[in-house]
Amino acid sequence: MPGSNVSPKPEELHYQRKDSRKYFVKNQLLTARCETIDDMFSVSVQDVSPSGAFIYTKKKLTLGQEIAMTIQLPNSDDFLKATGEIVRISSGGFGVEFKIIFND
């Protein structure tokens, strides 16, 4: 019902989340351009979801650091543009939690 303040049911949230991953295949490796306050670089991205992604890089970034990303969508000329925060660091890269996803 339009204008309703009723929260979606858990199964509806699951459907919305599943639908938002329609462009991505699990473990699919994608290409992204990243920008921090002092650097720009290209990386490989995997495990993209509505909440974040894993970025493969040897760059030294810190927990809590902000990052802007432009991810090339598979089999498309479209891009996903988002800003996020580094929430996990490992030897192979870092995990990003998306804060804002831009709709063009």
N, C-alpha and C. Protein backbone atom coordinates (compact mmCIF):
# COMPACT_ATOMS: atom_id res chain seq x y z
N MET A 1 0.84 -1.17 0.00
CA MET A 1 0.00 0.00 0.00
C MET A 1 0.90 1.24 0.00
N PRO A 2 0.80 2.14 -1.00
CA PRO A 2 1.63 3.34 -1.05
C PRO A 2 1.41 4.20 0.20
N GLY A 3 2.53 4.74 0.71
CA GLY A 3 2.46 5.63 1.86
C GLY A 3 2.32 4.89 3.18
N SER A 4 2.31 3.58 3.16
CA SER A 4 2.16 2.79 4.38
C SER A 4 3.46 2.80 5.17
N ASN A 5 3.35 2.83 6.49
CA ASN A 5 4.53 2.78 7.35
C ASN A 5 4.78 1.38 7.88
N VAL A 6 4.17 0.39 7.30
CA VAL A 6 4.32 -0.98 7.75
C VAL A 6 5.66 -1.52 7.25
N SER A 7 6.43 -2.12 8.14
CA SER A 7 7.73 -2.70 7.78
C SER A 7 7.53 -3.94 6.92
N PRO A 8 8.45 -4.18 5.96
CA PRO A 8 8.33 -5.38 5.14
C PRO A 8 8.54 -6.62 5.99
N LYS A 9 7.92 -7.71 5.57
CA LYS A 9 8.09 -8.99 6.24
C LYS A 9 9.48 -9.53 5.92
N PRO A 10 10.06 -10.36 6.79
CA PRO A 10 11.41 -10.90 6.54
C PRO A 10 11.56 -11.55 5.17
N GLU A 11 10.54 -12.29 4.72
CA GLU A 11 10.65 -12.93 3.41
C GLU A 11 10.68 -11.91 2.27
N GLU A 12 10.04 -10.74 2.47
CA GLU A 12 10.09 -9.68 1.47
C GLU A 12 11.48 -9.07 1.42
N LEU A 13 12.13 -8.89 2.57
CA LEU A 13 13.49 -8.37 2.60
C LEU A 13 14.43 -9.31 1.88
N HIS A 14 14.28 -10.61 2.10
CA HIS A 14 15.12 -11.59 1.43
C HIS A 14 14.94 -11.48 -0.08
N TYR A 15 13.70 -11.34 -0.54
CA TYR A 15 13.45 -11.22 -1.97
C TYR A 15 14.12 -9.96 -2.53
N GLN A 16 13.99 -8.83 -1.83
CA GLN A 16 14.60 -7.59 -2.31
C GLN A 16 16.12 -7.74 -2.39
N ARG A 17 16.73 -8.35 -1.38
CA ARG A 17 18.17 -8.54 -1.37
C ARG A 17 18.60 -9.45 -2.52
N LYS A 18 17.90 -10.56 -2.71
CA LYS A 18 18.23 -11.49 -3.78
C LYS A 18 18.10 -10.79 -5.14
N ASP A 19 17.05 -10.01 -5.34
CA ASP A 19 16.82 -9.31 -6.59
C ASP A 19 17.92 -8.29 -6.86
N SER A 20 18.44 -7.65 -5.83
CA SER A 20 19.46 -6.63 -6.03
C SER A 20 20.79 -7.23 -6.46
N ARG A 21 20.97 -8.55 -6.33
CA ARG A 21 22.20 -9.20 -6.78
C ARG A 21 22.06 -9.76 -8.19
N LYS A 22 21.01 -9.38 -8.92
CA LYS A 22 20.74 -9.98 -10.22
C LYS A 22 21.87 -9.79 -11.23
N TYR A 23 22.70 -8.78 -11.05
CA TYR A 23 23.79 -8.54 -11.99
C TYR A 23 25.03 -9.38 -11.69
N PHE A 24 25.12 -9.96 -10.50
CA PHE A 24 26.34 -10.58 -10.06
C PHE A 24 26.20 -12.08 -9.87
N VAL A 25 27.25 -12.79 -10.21
CA VAL A 25 27.35 -14.21 -9.97
C VAL A 25 28.32 -14.38 -8.80
N LYS A 26 28.01 -15.26 -7.86
CA LYS A 26 28.89 -15.45 -6.71
C LYS A 26 30.31 -15.75 -7.16
N ASN A 27 31.25 -15.11 -6.52
CA ASN A 27 32.68 -15.27 -6.79
C ASN A 27 33.12 -14.75 -8.16
N GLN A 28 32.27 -13.97 -8.82
CA GLN A 28 32.64 -13.40 -10.11
C GLN A 28 33.65 -12.27 -9.89
N LEU A 29 34.71 -12.27 -10.66
CA LEU A 29 35.75 -11.24 -10.55
C LEU A 29 35.42 -10.09 -11.49
N LEU A 30 35.33 -8.89 -10.94
CA LEU A 30 34.99 -7.69 -11.71
C LEU A 30 36.13 -6.69 -11.61
N THR A 31 36.08 -5.64 -12.43
CA THR A 31 37.07 -4.58 -12.41
C THR A 31 36.46 -3.31 -11.83
N ALA A 32 37.27 -2.58 -11.05
CA ALA A 32 36.77 -1.33 -10.45
C ALA A 32 37.87 -0.28 -10.45
N ARG A 33 37.43 0.97 -10.49
CA ARG A 33 38.32 2.11 -10.26
C ARG A 33 38.02 2.60 -8.85
N CYS A 34 39.06 2.81 -8.06
CA CYS A 34 38.89 3.26 -6.68
C CYS A 34 39.60 4.58 -6.48
N GLU A 35 39.07 5.36 -5.53
CA GLU A 35 39.68 6.63 -5.20
C GLU A 35 39.58 6.85 -3.69
N THR A 36 40.74 7.18 -3.11
CA THR A 36 40.77 7.59 -1.71
C THR A 36 41.15 9.06 -1.70
N ILE A 37 41.27 9.64 -0.53
CA ILE A 37 41.58 11.06 -0.44
C ILE A 37 42.93 11.41 -1.08
N ASP A 38 43.83 10.43 -1.15
CA ASP A 38 45.16 10.73 -1.68
C ASP A 38 45.64 9.80 -2.80
N ASP A 39 44.75 8.98 -3.38
CA ASP A 39 45.20 8.03 -4.40
C ASP A 39 44.04 7.60 -5.30
N MET A 40 44.37 7.21 -6.53
CA MET A 40 43.43 6.59 -7.47
C MET A 40 44.08 5.33 -8.00
N PHE A 41 43.32 4.23 -8.12
CA PHE A 41 43.90 2.98 -8.57
C PHE A 41 42.81 2.06 -9.10
N SER A 42 43.23 1.08 -9.91
CA SER A 42 42.32 0.07 -10.45
C SER A 42 42.55 -1.24 -9.70
N VAL A 43 41.47 -2.00 -9.51
CA VAL A 43 41.54 -3.23 -8.74
C VAL A 43 40.60 -4.28 -9.32
N SER A 44 40.73 -5.50 -8.82
CA SER A 44 39.75 -6.55 -9.07
C SER A 44 38.84 -6.62 -7.86
N VAL A 45 37.56 -6.87 -8.11
CA VAL A 45 36.54 -6.89 -7.06
C VAL A 45 35.80 -8.23 -7.12
N GLN A 46 35.47 -8.76 -5.95
CA GLN A 46 34.72 -10.01 -5.89
C GLN A 46 33.71 -9.94 -4.76
N ASP A 47 32.73 -10.82 -4.81
CA ASP A 47 31.69 -10.90 -3.77
C ASP A 47 30.95 -9.57 -3.59
N VAL A 48 30.56 -8.96 -4.69
CA VAL A 48 29.79 -7.73 -4.63
C VAL A 48 28.37 -8.06 -4.18
N SER A 49 27.86 -7.29 -3.22
CA SER A 49 26.50 -7.47 -2.73
C SER A 49 25.92 -6.08 -2.47
N PRO A 50 24.67 -5.99 -2.09
CA PRO A 50 24.10 -4.67 -1.79
C PRO A 50 24.79 -3.97 -0.63
N SER A 51 25.48 -4.73 0.21
CA SER A 51 26.10 -4.11 1.39
C SER A 51 27.59 -3.84 1.23
N GLY A 52 28.26 -4.44 0.23
CA GLY A 52 29.69 -4.21 0.09
C GLY A 52 30.35 -5.12 -0.90
N ALA A 53 31.70 -5.18 -0.80
CA ALA A 53 32.48 -5.99 -1.75
C ALA A 53 33.85 -6.28 -1.16
N PHE A 54 34.56 -7.24 -1.77
CA PHE A 54 35.94 -7.50 -1.40
C PHE A 54 36.83 -7.02 -2.52
N ILE A 55 37.83 -6.21 -2.19
CA ILE A 55 38.74 -5.60 -3.16
C ILE A 55 40.10 -6.27 -3.06
N TYR A 56 40.61 -6.79 -4.18
CA TYR A 56 41.94 -7.38 -4.21
C TYR A 56 42.96 -6.31 -4.55
N THR A 57 43.89 -6.06 -3.62
CA THR A 57 44.95 -5.09 -3.86
C THR A 57 46.05 -5.28 -2.82
N LYS A 58 47.23 -4.82 -3.16
CA LYS A 58 48.34 -4.82 -2.21
C LYS A 58 48.53 -3.43 -1.60
N LYS A 59 47.68 -2.48 -1.99
CA LYS A 59 47.76 -1.13 -1.44
C LYS A 59 47.56 -1.17 0.06
N LYS A 60 48.20 -0.27 0.75
CA LYS A 60 48.07 -0.17 2.20
C LYS A 60 46.97 0.82 2.54
N LEU A 61 45.84 0.30 2.98
CA LEU A 61 44.72 1.13 3.40
C LEU A 61 44.46 0.82 4.87
N THR A 62 43.68 1.67 5.53
CA THR A 62 43.45 1.49 6.96
C THR A 62 41.98 1.27 7.26
N LEU A 63 41.71 0.58 8.36
CA LEU A 63 40.33 0.40 8.80
C LEU A 63 39.66 1.76 8.99
N GLY A 64 38.44 1.87 8.51
CA GLY A 64 37.70 3.12 8.64
C GLY A 64 37.96 4.12 7.52
N GLN A 65 38.94 3.85 6.68
CA GLN A 65 39.25 4.76 5.58
C GLN A 65 38.10 4.79 4.58
N GLU A 66 37.79 5.98 4.08
CA GLU A 66 36.72 6.12 3.09
C GLU A 66 37.26 5.88 1.69
N ILE A 67 36.40 5.31 0.83
CA ILE A 67 36.79 4.99 -0.54
C ILE A 67 35.60 5.19 -1.46
N ALA A 68 35.87 5.67 -2.66
CA ALA A 68 34.84 5.78 -3.70
C ALA A 68 35.19 4.73 -4.76
N MET A 69 34.16 4.06 -5.27
CA MET A 69 34.38 2.98 -6.23
C MET A 69 33.45 3.11 -7.43
N THR A 70 33.97 2.75 -8.60
CA THR A 70 33.17 2.62 -9.80
C THR A 70 33.43 1.21 -10.34
N ILE A 71 32.42 0.35 -10.25
CA ILE A 71 32.57 -1.05 -10.62
C ILE A 71 31.88 -1.31 -11.96
N GLN A 72 32.62 -1.89 -12.90
CA GLN A 72 32.05 -2.26 -14.20
C GLN A 72 31.12 -3.45 -14.01
N LEU A 73 29.86 -3.32 -14.40
CA LEU A 73 28.91 -4.43 -14.29
C LEU A 73 29.19 -5.45 -15.38
N PRO A 74 29.03 -6.73 -15.08
CA PRO A 74 29.35 -7.77 -16.06
C PRO A 74 28.42 -7.74 -17.27
N ASN A 75 28.99 -7.99 -18.43
CA ASN A 75 28.24 -8.07 -19.68
C ASN A 75 27.39 -6.83 -19.94
N SER A 76 27.95 -5.66 -19.60
CA SER A 76 27.18 -4.42 -19.70
C SER A 76 28.13 -3.24 -19.84
N ASP A 77 27.58 -2.13 -20.32
CA ASP A 77 28.33 -0.87 -20.35
C ASP A 77 28.01 -0.04 -19.11
N ASP A 78 27.23 -0.60 -18.19
CA ASP A 78 26.81 0.11 -16.98
C ASP A 78 27.83 -0.06 -15.86
N PHE A 79 27.76 0.89 -14.91
CA PHE A 79 28.66 0.89 -13.77
C PHE A 79 27.86 1.02 -12.48
N LEU A 80 28.41 0.46 -11.39
CA LEU A 80 27.90 0.67 -10.05
C LEU A 80 28.85 1.67 -9.41
N LYS A 81 28.30 2.80 -8.95
CA LYS A 81 29.12 3.82 -8.29
C LYS A 81 28.70 3.88 -6.83
N ALA A 82 29.70 3.82 -5.94
CA ALA A 82 29.39 3.79 -4.52
C ALA A 82 30.54 4.40 -3.73
N THR A 83 30.21 4.85 -2.53
CA THR A 83 31.22 5.21 -1.55
C THR A 83 31.10 4.23 -0.41
N GLY A 84 32.20 4.02 0.28
CA GLY A 84 32.17 3.07 1.37
C GLY A 84 33.29 3.29 2.35
N GLU A 85 33.40 2.32 3.25
CA GLU A 85 34.39 2.37 4.32
C GLU A 85 35.09 1.03 4.40
N ILE A 86 36.41 1.05 4.61
CA ILE A 86 37.17 -0.17 4.78
C ILE A 86 36.80 -0.77 6.14
N VAL A 87 36.26 -2.00 6.13
CA VAL A 87 35.82 -2.62 7.38
C VAL A 87 36.60 -3.90 7.70
N ARG A 88 37.40 -4.38 6.75
CA ARG A 88 38.19 -5.59 6.99
C ARG A 88 39.43 -5.53 6.12
N ILE A 89 40.56 -5.93 6.69
CA ILE A 89 41.82 -5.96 5.94
C ILE A 89 42.40 -7.37 6.05
N SER A 90 42.85 -7.90 4.91
CA SER A 90 43.52 -9.20 4.90
C SER A 90 44.76 -9.09 4.03
N SER A 91 45.52 -10.16 3.93
CA SER A 91 46.75 -10.12 3.15
C SER A 91 46.48 -9.92 1.65
N GLY A 92 45.29 -10.30 1.18
CA GLY A 92 44.98 -10.18 -0.24
C GLY A 92 44.20 -8.95 -0.63
N GLY A 93 43.75 -8.17 0.35
CA GLY A 93 42.97 -6.98 0.02
C GLY A 93 42.17 -6.50 1.21
N PHE A 94 40.98 -5.97 0.91
CA PHE A 94 40.17 -5.42 1.99
C PHE A 94 38.69 -5.51 1.68
N GLY A 95 37.89 -5.53 2.73
CA GLY A 95 36.45 -5.54 2.60
C GLY A 95 35.91 -4.13 2.73
N VAL A 96 34.97 -3.79 1.87
CA VAL A 96 34.35 -2.46 1.88
C VAL A 96 32.87 -2.61 2.20
N GLU A 97 32.40 -1.79 3.13
CA GLU A 97 30.97 -1.70 3.40
C GLU A 97 30.46 -0.45 2.69
N PHE A 98 29.50 -0.63 1.77
CA PHE A 98 28.96 0.51 1.05
C PHE A 98 28.18 1.42 1.99
N LYS A 99 28.38 2.72 1.84
CA LYS A 99 27.62 3.71 2.61
C LYS A 99 26.58 4.38 1.72
N ILE A 100 26.98 4.71 0.49
CA ILE A 100 26.07 5.34 -0.48
C ILE A 100 26.27 4.67 -1.83
N ILE A 101 25.17 4.24 -2.45
CA ILE A 101 25.21 3.72 -3.82
C ILE A 101 24.46 4.72 -4.68
N PHE A 102 25.13 5.21 -5.71
CA PHE A 102 24.57 6.25 -6.56
C PHE A 102 23.77 5.66 -7.71
N ASN A 103 22.62 6.21 -7.98
CA ASN A 103 21.80 5.82 -9.13
C ASN A 103 21.91 6.90 -10.18
N ASP A 104 22.44 6.55 -11.35
CA ASP A 104 22.54 7.53 -12.44
C ASP A 104 21.33 7.47 -13.31
